[in-house]
């Protein structure tokens, strides 16, 4: 992430904090409370302290062009491309893993590696930082996870608070590498 992108992230979080303060101010008014109840809208005040919650919404549309090249192994497939499995510590060609998918924690770019198309698994993992937080391709709602969103939020939250260098250091010390 370059300086302009970090500045943009900080500005968007600042703008969101200000927006939430205004919402909370209006929610103090009894007329506004009654109106929201009549139309079936929430009358709950917005949390201002929780940067992580704000990041979830901001990162949906936040684009990063220059990344640090940190990936999370999100899934792997065996030879017949059946259900996703993860064997991140199994060398290429062993244990039936022919294809692995990785997502960049900053840009959400997905890289697929296999022996036929794209880089080989071994070459990709050797030349990039690849994390494997949970060794599980899906959560209970069948949504791609393996800790990807958690790693991503940790990275951006630390970037916002202490800068990119500290964010990279935190991620590398907190999560398992392949």
N, C-alpha and C. Protein backbone atom coordinates (compact mmCIF):
# COMPACT_ATOMS: atom_id res chain seq x y z
N UNK A 1 0.85 -1.17 0.00
CA UNK A 1 0.00 0.00 0.00
C UNK A 1 0.90 1.23 0.00
N UNK A 2 0.58 2.20 -0.83
CA UNK A 2 1.41 3.40 -0.85
C UNK A 2 0.84 4.46 0.11
N UNK A 3 1.57 5.55 0.27
CA UNK A 3 1.17 6.59 1.23
C UNK A 3 -0.19 7.19 0.90
N UNK A 4 -0.47 7.38 -0.38
CA UNK A 4 -1.77 7.94 -0.77
C UNK A 4 -2.91 7.03 -0.36
N UNK A 5 -2.71 5.72 -0.48
CA UNK A 5 -3.75 4.78 -0.11
C UNK A 5 -3.97 4.76 1.40
N UNK A 6 -2.89 4.84 2.16
CA UNK A 6 -3.01 4.91 3.63
C UNK A 6 -3.71 6.20 4.04
N UNK A 7 -3.34 7.30 3.40
CA UNK A 7 -3.99 8.59 3.69
C UNK A 7 -5.47 8.52 3.36
N UNK A 8 -5.81 7.91 2.24
CA UNK A 8 -7.22 7.76 1.84
C UNK A 8 -7.98 6.90 2.85
N UNK A 9 -7.35 5.82 3.32
CA UNK A 9 -7.97 4.95 4.32
C UNK A 9 -8.24 5.73 5.61
N UNK A 10 -7.25 6.46 6.06
CA UNK A 10 -7.42 7.25 7.30
C UNK A 10 -8.52 8.30 7.15
N UNK A 11 -8.59 8.92 5.97
CA UNK A 11 -9.62 9.92 5.73
C UNK A 11 -11.01 9.29 5.73
N UNK A 12 -11.12 8.13 5.11
CA UNK A 12 -12.43 7.46 5.08
C UNK A 12 -12.88 7.05 6.47
N UNK A 13 -11.95 6.59 7.29
CA UNK A 13 -12.31 6.24 8.67
C UNK A 13 -12.70 7.49 9.44
N UNK A 14 -11.93 8.56 9.27
CA UNK A 14 -12.26 9.84 9.93
C UNK A 14 -13.65 10.32 9.51
N UNK A 15 -13.94 10.26 8.21
CA UNK A 15 -15.25 10.68 7.70
C UNK A 15 -16.37 9.81 8.28
N UNK A 16 -16.11 8.52 8.42
CA UNK A 16 -17.11 7.61 8.99
C UNK A 16 -17.35 7.92 10.46
N UNK A 17 -16.29 8.23 11.20
CA UNK A 17 -16.44 8.61 12.61
C UNK A 17 -17.30 9.86 12.72
N UNK A 18 -17.02 10.85 11.88
CA UNK A 18 -17.81 12.09 11.89
C UNK A 18 -19.27 11.83 11.53
N UNK A 19 -19.49 10.97 10.54
CA UNK A 19 -20.86 10.63 10.13
C UNK A 19 -21.61 9.97 11.29
N UNK A 20 -20.94 9.06 11.99
CA UNK A 20 -21.57 8.38 13.12
C UNK A 20 -21.84 9.34 14.28
N UNK A 21 -20.97 10.29 14.48
CA UNK A 21 -21.21 11.30 15.52
C UNK A 21 -22.48 12.10 15.21
N UNK A 22 -22.64 12.47 13.93
CA UNK A 22 -23.84 13.22 13.52
C UNK A 22 -25.09 12.37 13.72
N UNK A 23 -25.02 11.11 13.33
CA UNK A 23 -26.16 10.21 13.51
C UNK A 23 -26.52 10.13 14.99
N UNK A 24 -25.53 9.93 15.83
CA UNK A 24 -25.78 9.84 17.27
C UNK A 24 -26.37 11.13 17.83
N UNK A 25 -25.90 12.25 17.32
CA UNK A 25 -26.44 13.55 17.74
C UNK A 25 -27.93 13.64 17.40
N UNK A 26 -28.29 13.25 16.18
CA UNK A 26 -29.70 13.29 15.78
C UNK A 26 -30.54 12.29 16.55
N UNK A 27 -29.94 11.16 16.91
CA UNK A 27 -30.68 10.15 17.66
C UNK A 27 -31.00 10.59 19.09
N UNK A 28 -30.36 11.67 19.56
CA UNK A 28 -30.68 12.22 20.87
C UNK A 28 -32.02 12.95 20.86
N UNK A 29 -32.49 13.30 19.68
CA UNK A 29 -33.73 14.04 19.53
C UNK A 29 -34.92 13.07 19.57
N UNK A 30 -35.88 13.35 20.45
CA UNK A 30 -37.03 12.47 20.63
C UNK A 30 -37.90 12.38 19.38
N UNK A 31 -38.01 13.47 18.63
CA UNK A 31 -38.81 13.47 17.40
C UNK A 31 -38.18 12.51 16.38
N UNK A 32 -36.88 12.55 16.26
CA UNK A 32 -36.18 11.65 15.34
C UNK A 32 -36.38 10.20 15.78
N UNK A 33 -36.26 9.95 17.07
CA UNK A 33 -36.47 8.60 17.62
C UNK A 33 -37.87 8.08 17.25
N UNK A 34 -38.89 8.92 17.48
CA UNK A 34 -40.26 8.52 17.18
C UNK A 34 -40.45 8.26 15.69
N UNK A 35 -39.90 9.11 14.87
CA UNK A 35 -40.00 8.94 13.41
C UNK A 35 -39.37 7.62 12.98
N UNK A 36 -38.18 7.33 13.46
CA UNK A 36 -37.50 6.09 13.09
C UNK A 36 -38.28 4.85 13.54
N UNK A 37 -38.88 4.93 14.71
CA UNK A 37 -39.70 3.81 15.19
C UNK A 37 -40.91 3.61 14.28
N UNK A 38 -41.53 4.71 13.84
CA UNK A 38 -42.71 4.62 12.97
C UNK A 38 -42.39 3.98 11.62
N UNK A 39 -41.22 4.27 11.09
CA UNK A 39 -40.88 3.71 9.77
C UNK A 39 -40.11 2.40 9.89
N UNK A 40 -39.92 1.93 11.12
CA UNK A 40 -39.29 0.63 11.33
C UNK A 40 -37.78 0.62 11.20
N UNK A 41 -37.14 1.73 11.39
CA UNK A 41 -35.68 1.81 11.31
C UNK A 41 -35.07 1.73 12.70
N UNK A 42 -33.81 1.42 12.73
CA UNK A 42 -33.09 1.27 13.99
C UNK A 42 -32.91 2.62 14.68
N UNK A 43 -33.08 2.60 15.99
CA UNK A 43 -32.85 3.81 16.78
C UNK A 43 -31.61 3.66 17.65
N UNK A 44 -30.81 2.64 17.34
CA UNK A 44 -29.58 2.39 18.10
C UNK A 44 -28.49 3.37 17.69
N UNK A 45 -27.77 3.83 18.68
CA UNK A 45 -26.65 4.72 18.39
C UNK A 45 -25.51 3.93 17.76
N UNK A 46 -24.73 4.61 16.95
CA UNK A 46 -23.62 4.00 16.25
C UNK A 46 -22.37 4.04 17.13
N UNK A 47 -21.64 2.94 17.12
CA UNK A 47 -20.40 2.87 17.89
C UNK A 47 -19.31 3.65 17.15
N UNK A 48 -18.62 4.50 17.88
CA UNK A 48 -17.59 5.35 17.29
C UNK A 48 -16.20 4.77 17.53
N UNK A 49 -16.03 4.04 18.59
CA UNK A 49 -14.71 3.56 18.99
C UNK A 49 -14.23 2.35 18.19
N UNK A 50 -15.16 1.59 17.60
CA UNK A 50 -14.81 0.33 16.96
C UNK A 50 -14.36 0.53 15.51
N UNK A 51 -13.07 0.73 15.33
CA UNK A 51 -12.49 0.95 14.00
C UNK A 51 -12.69 -0.29 13.13
N UNK A 52 -12.57 -1.45 13.74
CA UNK A 52 -12.69 -2.71 12.99
C UNK A 52 -14.06 -2.83 12.31
N UNK A 53 -15.10 -2.45 13.02
CA UNK A 53 -16.45 -2.48 12.46
C UNK A 53 -16.55 -1.54 11.25
N UNK A 54 -15.97 -0.38 11.36
CA UNK A 54 -15.98 0.58 10.26
C UNK A 54 -15.19 0.06 9.07
N UNK A 55 -14.07 -0.61 9.35
CA UNK A 55 -13.23 -1.15 8.28
C UNK A 55 -13.98 -2.17 7.43
N UNK A 56 -14.83 -2.96 8.05
CA UNK A 56 -15.59 -3.96 7.30
C UNK A 56 -16.35 -3.29 6.16
N UNK A 57 -17.01 -2.18 6.46
CA UNK A 57 -17.77 -1.46 5.42
C UNK A 57 -16.85 -0.72 4.45
N UNK A 58 -15.84 -0.07 4.96
CA UNK A 58 -14.93 0.71 4.11
C UNK A 58 -14.19 -0.18 3.13
N UNK A 59 -13.73 -1.34 3.58
CA UNK A 59 -12.92 -2.21 2.73
C UNK A 59 -13.71 -2.87 1.59
N UNK A 60 -15.03 -2.83 1.67
CA UNK A 60 -15.83 -3.38 0.57
C UNK A 60 -15.54 -2.66 -0.74
N UNK A 61 -15.26 -1.37 -0.66
CA UNK A 61 -15.03 -0.57 -1.87
C UNK A 61 -13.63 0.05 -1.91
N UNK A 62 -12.76 -0.38 -1.03
CA UNK A 62 -11.42 0.21 -0.95
C UNK A 62 -10.48 -0.56 -1.88
N UNK A 63 -9.79 0.16 -2.74
CA UNK A 63 -8.91 -0.48 -3.72
C UNK A 63 -7.45 -0.15 -3.42
N UNK A 64 -6.63 -1.19 -3.39
CA UNK A 64 -5.19 -1.04 -3.17
C UNK A 64 -4.48 -1.56 -4.41
N UNK A 65 -3.60 -0.75 -4.96
CA UNK A 65 -2.88 -1.16 -6.17
C UNK A 65 -1.50 -1.73 -5.85
N UNK A 66 -0.76 -1.10 -4.96
CA UNK A 66 0.58 -1.56 -4.61
C UNK A 66 0.52 -2.31 -3.29
N UNK A 67 0.68 -3.61 -3.35
CA UNK A 67 0.55 -4.40 -2.13
C UNK A 67 1.91 -4.88 -1.64
N UNK A 68 1.92 -5.43 -0.45
CA UNK A 68 3.13 -6.01 0.13
C UNK A 68 3.31 -7.47 -0.27
N UNK A 69 2.40 -8.00 -1.05
CA UNK A 69 2.51 -9.38 -1.52
C UNK A 69 2.33 -10.40 -0.42
N UNK A 70 1.38 -10.15 0.48
CA UNK A 70 1.08 -11.10 1.55
C UNK A 70 -0.23 -11.79 1.18
N UNK A 71 -0.20 -13.10 1.12
CA UNK A 71 -1.35 -13.89 0.69
C UNK A 71 -1.80 -14.82 1.80
N UNK A 72 -3.07 -15.18 1.73
CA UNK A 72 -3.62 -16.23 2.60
C UNK A 72 -4.02 -17.37 1.68
N UNK A 73 -3.59 -18.58 2.03
CA UNK A 73 -4.01 -19.76 1.28
C UNK A 73 -5.46 -20.03 1.65
N UNK A 74 -6.36 -19.83 0.70
CA UNK A 74 -7.78 -19.92 1.00
C UNK A 74 -8.38 -21.29 0.74
N UNK A 75 -7.82 -22.03 -0.22
CA UNK A 75 -8.32 -23.39 -0.47
C UNK A 75 -7.36 -24.14 -1.36
N UNK A 76 -7.55 -25.46 -1.40
CA UNK A 76 -6.75 -26.33 -2.24
C UNK A 76 -7.66 -27.43 -2.76
N UNK A 77 -7.30 -27.95 -3.92
CA UNK A 77 -8.10 -29.01 -4.53
C UNK A 77 -7.22 -30.21 -4.82
N UNK A 78 -7.83 -31.39 -4.74
CA UNK A 78 -7.10 -32.59 -5.11
C UNK A 78 -7.16 -32.78 -6.62
N UNK A 79 -6.65 -33.91 -7.09
CA UNK A 79 -6.52 -34.14 -8.53
C UNK A 79 -7.82 -34.08 -9.31
N UNK A 80 -8.92 -34.49 -8.72
CA UNK A 80 -10.18 -34.52 -9.47
C UNK A 80 -11.05 -33.28 -9.23
N UNK A 81 -10.47 -32.24 -8.62
CA UNK A 81 -11.19 -30.98 -8.34
C UNK A 81 -12.48 -31.18 -7.58
N UNK A 82 -12.48 -32.12 -6.66
CA UNK A 82 -13.67 -32.33 -5.84
C UNK A 82 -13.73 -31.25 -4.78
N UNK A 83 -14.34 -31.53 -3.69
CA UNK A 83 -14.52 -30.54 -2.63
C UNK A 83 -13.20 -29.94 -2.19
N UNK A 84 -13.19 -28.66 -1.83
CA UNK A 84 -11.95 -28.02 -1.38
C UNK A 84 -11.40 -28.68 -0.12
N UNK A 85 -10.10 -28.80 -0.10
CA UNK A 85 -9.40 -29.32 1.07
C UNK A 85 -8.19 -28.44 1.28
N UNK A 86 -7.57 -28.54 2.41
CA UNK A 86 -6.33 -27.80 2.62
C UNK A 86 -5.27 -28.73 3.17
N UNK A 87 -4.18 -28.74 2.47
CA UNK A 87 -2.98 -29.43 2.92
C UNK A 87 -1.82 -28.47 2.70
N UNK A 88 -1.78 -27.37 3.37
CA UNK A 88 -0.81 -26.34 3.04
C UNK A 88 0.64 -26.74 3.28
N UNK A 89 0.89 -27.67 4.16
CA UNK A 89 2.26 -28.03 4.43
C UNK A 89 2.70 -29.28 3.66
N UNK A 90 1.83 -29.77 2.79
CA UNK A 90 2.16 -30.92 1.98
C UNK A 90 2.88 -30.45 0.73
N UNK A 91 4.05 -30.98 0.42
CA UNK A 91 4.76 -30.56 -0.79
C UNK A 91 3.93 -30.83 -2.04
N UNK A 92 4.18 -30.04 -3.07
CA UNK A 92 3.46 -30.20 -4.33
C UNK A 92 3.60 -31.62 -4.84
N UNK A 93 2.50 -32.16 -5.34
CA UNK A 93 2.53 -33.50 -5.90
C UNK A 93 2.32 -34.59 -4.86
N UNK A 94 2.24 -34.24 -3.58
CA UNK A 94 2.01 -35.24 -2.54
C UNK A 94 0.69 -34.92 -1.86
N UNK A 95 0.02 -35.95 -1.42
CA UNK A 95 -1.24 -35.75 -0.71
C UNK A 95 -2.38 -35.37 -1.62
N UNK A 96 -2.20 -35.44 -2.94
CA UNK A 96 -3.28 -35.20 -3.87
C UNK A 96 -3.61 -33.75 -4.15
N UNK A 97 -2.83 -32.81 -3.66
CA UNK A 97 -3.12 -31.40 -3.90
C UNK A 97 -2.48 -30.97 -5.21
N UNK A 98 -3.33 -30.60 -6.15
CA UNK A 98 -2.85 -30.14 -7.46
C UNK A 98 -3.01 -28.65 -7.65
N UNK A 99 -3.93 -28.05 -6.90
CA UNK A 99 -4.27 -26.65 -7.13
C UNK A 99 -4.49 -25.97 -5.78
N UNK A 100 -3.90 -24.79 -5.63
CA UNK A 100 -4.15 -23.98 -4.43
C UNK A 100 -4.57 -22.59 -4.85
N UNK A 101 -5.41 -21.98 -4.04
CA UNK A 101 -5.86 -20.61 -4.28
C UNK A 101 -5.37 -19.73 -3.15
N UNK A 102 -4.91 -18.54 -3.51
CA UNK A 102 -4.38 -17.58 -2.56
C UNK A 102 -5.05 -16.24 -2.82
N UNK A 103 -5.28 -15.47 -1.75
CA UNK A 103 -5.81 -14.11 -1.92
C UNK A 103 -4.89 -13.12 -1.24
N UNK A 104 -4.61 -12.03 -1.94
CA UNK A 104 -3.79 -10.95 -1.42
C UNK A 104 -4.60 -10.23 -0.35
N UNK A 105 -4.01 -10.01 0.84
CA UNK A 105 -4.77 -9.42 1.94
C UNK A 105 -5.10 -7.95 1.71
N UNK A 106 -4.39 -7.30 0.80
CA UNK A 106 -4.66 -5.88 0.56
C UNK A 106 -5.58 -5.67 -0.64
N UNK A 107 -5.31 -6.34 -1.74
CA UNK A 107 -6.05 -6.07 -2.98
C UNK A 107 -7.19 -7.04 -3.23
N UNK A 108 -7.26 -8.15 -2.47
CA UNK A 108 -8.24 -9.22 -2.67
C UNK A 108 -8.03 -9.95 -3.99
N UNK A 109 -6.89 -9.73 -4.63
CA UNK A 109 -6.58 -10.43 -5.87
C UNK A 109 -6.37 -11.90 -5.57
N UNK A 110 -7.01 -12.76 -6.39
CA UNK A 110 -6.86 -14.20 -6.18
C UNK A 110 -5.87 -14.77 -7.19
N UNK A 111 -4.99 -15.61 -6.70
CA UNK A 111 -4.01 -16.31 -7.53
C UNK A 111 -4.30 -17.80 -7.40
N UNK A 112 -4.36 -18.47 -8.55
CA UNK A 112 -4.57 -19.92 -8.56
C UNK A 112 -3.29 -20.55 -9.09
N UNK A 113 -2.77 -21.50 -8.34
CA UNK A 113 -1.55 -22.19 -8.77
C UNK A 113 -1.85 -23.65 -9.01
N UNK A 114 -1.22 -24.20 -10.03
CA UNK A 114 -1.25 -25.63 -10.27
C UNK A 114 -0.15 -26.00 -11.25
N UNK A 115 -0.07 -27.23 -11.61
CA UNK A 115 1.01 -27.70 -12.47
C UNK A 115 0.77 -27.38 -13.94
N UNK A 116 -0.46 -27.04 -14.32
CA UNK A 116 -0.78 -26.84 -15.73
C UNK A 116 -0.83 -25.35 -16.09
N UNK A 117 -1.59 -24.57 -15.33
CA UNK A 117 -1.77 -23.15 -15.62
C UNK A 117 -1.16 -22.34 -14.48
N UNK A 118 -0.56 -21.23 -14.81
CA UNK A 118 -0.04 -20.33 -13.78
C UNK A 118 1.21 -20.88 -13.11
N UNK A 119 1.65 -20.18 -12.07
CA UNK A 119 2.87 -20.61 -11.38
C UNK A 119 2.63 -21.92 -10.62
N UNK A 120 3.70 -22.65 -10.40
CA UNK A 120 3.55 -23.87 -9.61
C UNK A 120 3.37 -23.49 -8.15
N UNK A 121 2.79 -24.40 -7.41
CA UNK A 121 2.54 -24.17 -5.99
C UNK A 121 3.87 -23.88 -5.28
N UNK A 122 4.85 -24.71 -5.55
CA UNK A 122 6.15 -24.58 -4.90
C UNK A 122 6.77 -23.22 -5.21
N UNK A 123 6.79 -22.83 -6.49
CA UNK A 123 7.39 -21.54 -6.87
C UNK A 123 6.67 -20.36 -6.24
N UNK A 124 5.34 -20.43 -6.23
CA UNK A 124 4.58 -19.33 -5.66
C UNK A 124 4.85 -19.18 -4.17
N UNK A 125 4.79 -20.30 -3.45
CA UNK A 125 4.99 -20.25 -2.00
C UNK A 125 6.42 -19.90 -1.62
N UNK A 126 7.35 -20.23 -2.48
CA UNK A 126 8.76 -19.91 -2.22
C UNK A 126 9.04 -18.42 -2.42
N UNK A 127 8.36 -17.80 -3.38
CA UNK A 127 8.67 -16.41 -3.72
C UNK A 127 7.69 -15.39 -3.13
N UNK A 128 6.70 -15.83 -2.35
CA UNK A 128 5.74 -14.91 -1.75
C UNK A 128 5.55 -15.24 -0.27
N UNK A 129 4.97 -14.30 0.44
CA UNK A 129 4.60 -14.53 1.84
C UNK A 129 3.20 -15.13 1.82
N UNK A 130 3.08 -16.38 2.25
CA UNK A 130 1.80 -17.07 2.25
C UNK A 130 1.47 -17.50 3.67
N UNK A 131 0.31 -17.06 4.14
CA UNK A 131 -0.14 -17.38 5.49
C UNK A 131 -1.23 -18.44 5.44
N UNK A 132 -1.32 -19.21 6.50
CA UNK A 132 -2.36 -20.22 6.61
C UNK A 132 -2.88 -20.23 8.05
N UNK A 133 -3.72 -19.25 8.39
CA UNK A 133 -4.14 -19.09 9.78
C UNK A 133 -4.88 -20.29 10.38
N UNK A 134 -5.80 -20.90 9.66
CA UNK A 134 -6.65 -21.90 10.28
C UNK A 134 -6.66 -23.26 9.60
N UNK A 135 -6.08 -23.38 8.41
CA UNK A 135 -6.06 -24.64 7.69
C UNK A 135 -7.47 -25.18 7.49
N UNK A 136 -8.42 -24.32 7.16
CA UNK A 136 -9.79 -24.73 6.91
C UNK A 136 -10.39 -23.86 5.82
N UNK A 137 -10.89 -24.43 4.73
CA UNK A 137 -11.33 -23.61 3.61
C UNK A 137 -12.66 -22.89 3.80
N UNK A 138 -13.54 -23.38 4.68
CA UNK A 138 -14.85 -22.76 4.81
C UNK A 138 -15.26 -22.64 6.26
N UNK A 139 -16.08 -21.63 6.54
CA UNK A 139 -16.66 -21.55 7.88
C UNK A 139 -18.01 -22.26 7.86
N UNK A 140 -18.78 -22.15 8.93
CA UNK A 140 -20.04 -22.89 9.02
C UNK A 140 -21.11 -22.41 8.05
N UNK A 141 -20.96 -21.26 7.46
CA UNK A 141 -21.93 -20.78 6.49
C UNK A 141 -21.46 -21.02 5.06
N UNK A 142 -20.42 -21.84 4.91
CA UNK A 142 -19.85 -22.19 3.60
C UNK A 142 -19.29 -20.96 2.88
N UNK A 143 -18.77 -20.02 3.64
CA UNK A 143 -18.17 -18.83 3.08
C UNK A 143 -16.65 -18.98 3.15
N UNK A 144 -16.01 -18.67 2.05
CA UNK A 144 -14.56 -18.77 2.01
C UNK A 144 -13.95 -17.98 3.15
N UNK A 145 -13.14 -18.64 3.96
CA UNK A 145 -12.57 -17.93 5.11
C UNK A 145 -11.10 -18.28 5.31
N UNK A 146 -10.85 -19.36 5.98
CA UNK A 146 -9.51 -19.74 6.39
C UNK A 146 -8.78 -18.59 7.06
N UNK A 147 -9.52 -17.71 7.68
CA UNK A 147 -8.91 -16.60 8.40
C UNK A 147 -8.58 -15.40 7.53
N UNK A 148 -8.91 -15.46 6.25
CA UNK A 148 -8.56 -14.37 5.34
C UNK A 148 -9.09 -13.03 5.82
N UNK A 149 -10.38 -12.96 6.13
CA UNK A 149 -10.96 -11.68 6.54
C UNK A 149 -10.35 -11.18 7.85
N UNK A 150 -10.07 -12.10 8.76
CA UNK A 150 -9.45 -11.71 10.03
C UNK A 150 -8.06 -11.13 9.80
N UNK A 151 -7.27 -11.79 8.97
CA UNK A 151 -5.92 -11.30 8.65
C UNK A 151 -6.02 -9.94 7.99
N UNK A 152 -6.94 -9.81 7.05
CA UNK A 152 -7.12 -8.55 6.31
C UNK A 152 -7.50 -7.41 7.25
N UNK A 153 -8.47 -7.66 8.14
CA UNK A 153 -8.88 -6.62 9.08
C UNK A 153 -7.76 -6.27 10.05
N UNK A 154 -7.04 -7.27 10.53
CA UNK A 154 -5.89 -7.01 11.42
C UNK A 154 -4.88 -6.11 10.72
N UNK A 155 -4.59 -6.42 9.47
CA UNK A 155 -3.61 -5.64 8.71
C UNK A 155 -4.05 -4.19 8.56
N UNK A 156 -5.28 -3.98 8.09
CA UNK A 156 -5.74 -2.61 7.85
C UNK A 156 -5.94 -1.82 9.14
N UNK A 157 -6.37 -2.49 10.19
CA UNK A 157 -6.52 -1.81 11.48
C UNK A 157 -5.16 -1.34 11.99
N UNK A 158 -4.18 -2.20 11.90
CA UNK A 158 -2.83 -1.83 12.34
C UNK A 158 -2.23 -0.75 11.44
N UNK A 159 -2.52 -0.84 10.14
CA UNK A 159 -2.07 0.20 9.19
C UNK A 159 -2.64 1.56 9.59
N UNK A 160 -3.90 1.58 9.91
CA UNK A 160 -4.57 2.81 10.30
C UNK A 160 -3.96 3.39 11.57
N UNK A 161 -3.73 2.51 12.55
CA UNK A 161 -3.25 2.97 13.85
C UNK A 161 -1.76 3.29 13.87
N UNK A 162 -0.94 2.41 13.29
CA UNK A 162 0.52 2.53 13.47
C UNK A 162 1.34 2.50 12.19
N UNK A 163 0.70 2.45 11.05
CA UNK A 163 1.44 2.48 9.80
C UNK A 163 1.66 1.09 9.21
N UNK A 164 2.06 1.11 7.96
CA UNK A 164 2.19 -0.11 7.18
C UNK A 164 3.29 -1.04 7.69
N UNK A 165 4.43 -0.49 8.05
CA UNK A 165 5.54 -1.33 8.51
C UNK A 165 5.13 -2.16 9.72
N UNK A 166 4.51 -1.52 10.70
CA UNK A 166 4.07 -2.23 11.91
C UNK A 166 2.97 -3.24 11.58
N UNK A 167 2.12 -2.92 10.61
CA UNK A 167 1.05 -3.84 10.21
C UNK A 167 1.64 -5.12 9.64
N UNK A 168 2.63 -4.99 8.77
CA UNK A 168 3.28 -6.17 8.20
C UNK A 168 3.94 -6.99 9.30
N UNK A 169 4.63 -6.33 10.21
CA UNK A 169 5.30 -7.04 11.31
C UNK A 169 4.28 -7.79 12.18
N UNK A 170 3.16 -7.15 12.47
CA UNK A 170 2.13 -7.79 13.30
C UNK A 170 1.58 -9.03 12.61
N UNK A 171 1.26 -8.92 11.34
CA UNK A 171 0.69 -10.03 10.59
C UNK A 171 1.68 -11.20 10.54
N UNK A 172 2.94 -10.90 10.28
CA UNK A 172 3.94 -11.97 10.15
C UNK A 172 4.22 -12.64 11.48
N UNK A 173 4.07 -11.91 12.57
CA UNK A 173 4.33 -12.53 13.88
C UNK A 173 3.09 -13.25 14.44
N UNK A 174 1.92 -12.86 14.01
CA UNK A 174 0.68 -13.40 14.56
C UNK A 174 0.20 -14.68 13.86
N UNK A 175 0.39 -14.76 12.55
CA UNK A 175 -0.19 -15.86 11.77
C UNK A 175 0.87 -16.81 11.22
N UNK A 176 0.47 -18.08 11.11
CA UNK A 176 1.36 -19.12 10.60
C UNK A 176 1.66 -18.89 9.12
N UNK A 177 2.90 -19.13 8.76
CA UNK A 177 3.31 -19.08 7.35
C UNK A 177 3.39 -20.49 6.81
N UNK A 178 3.13 -20.59 5.53
CA UNK A 178 3.29 -21.89 4.86
C UNK A 178 4.77 -22.07 4.57
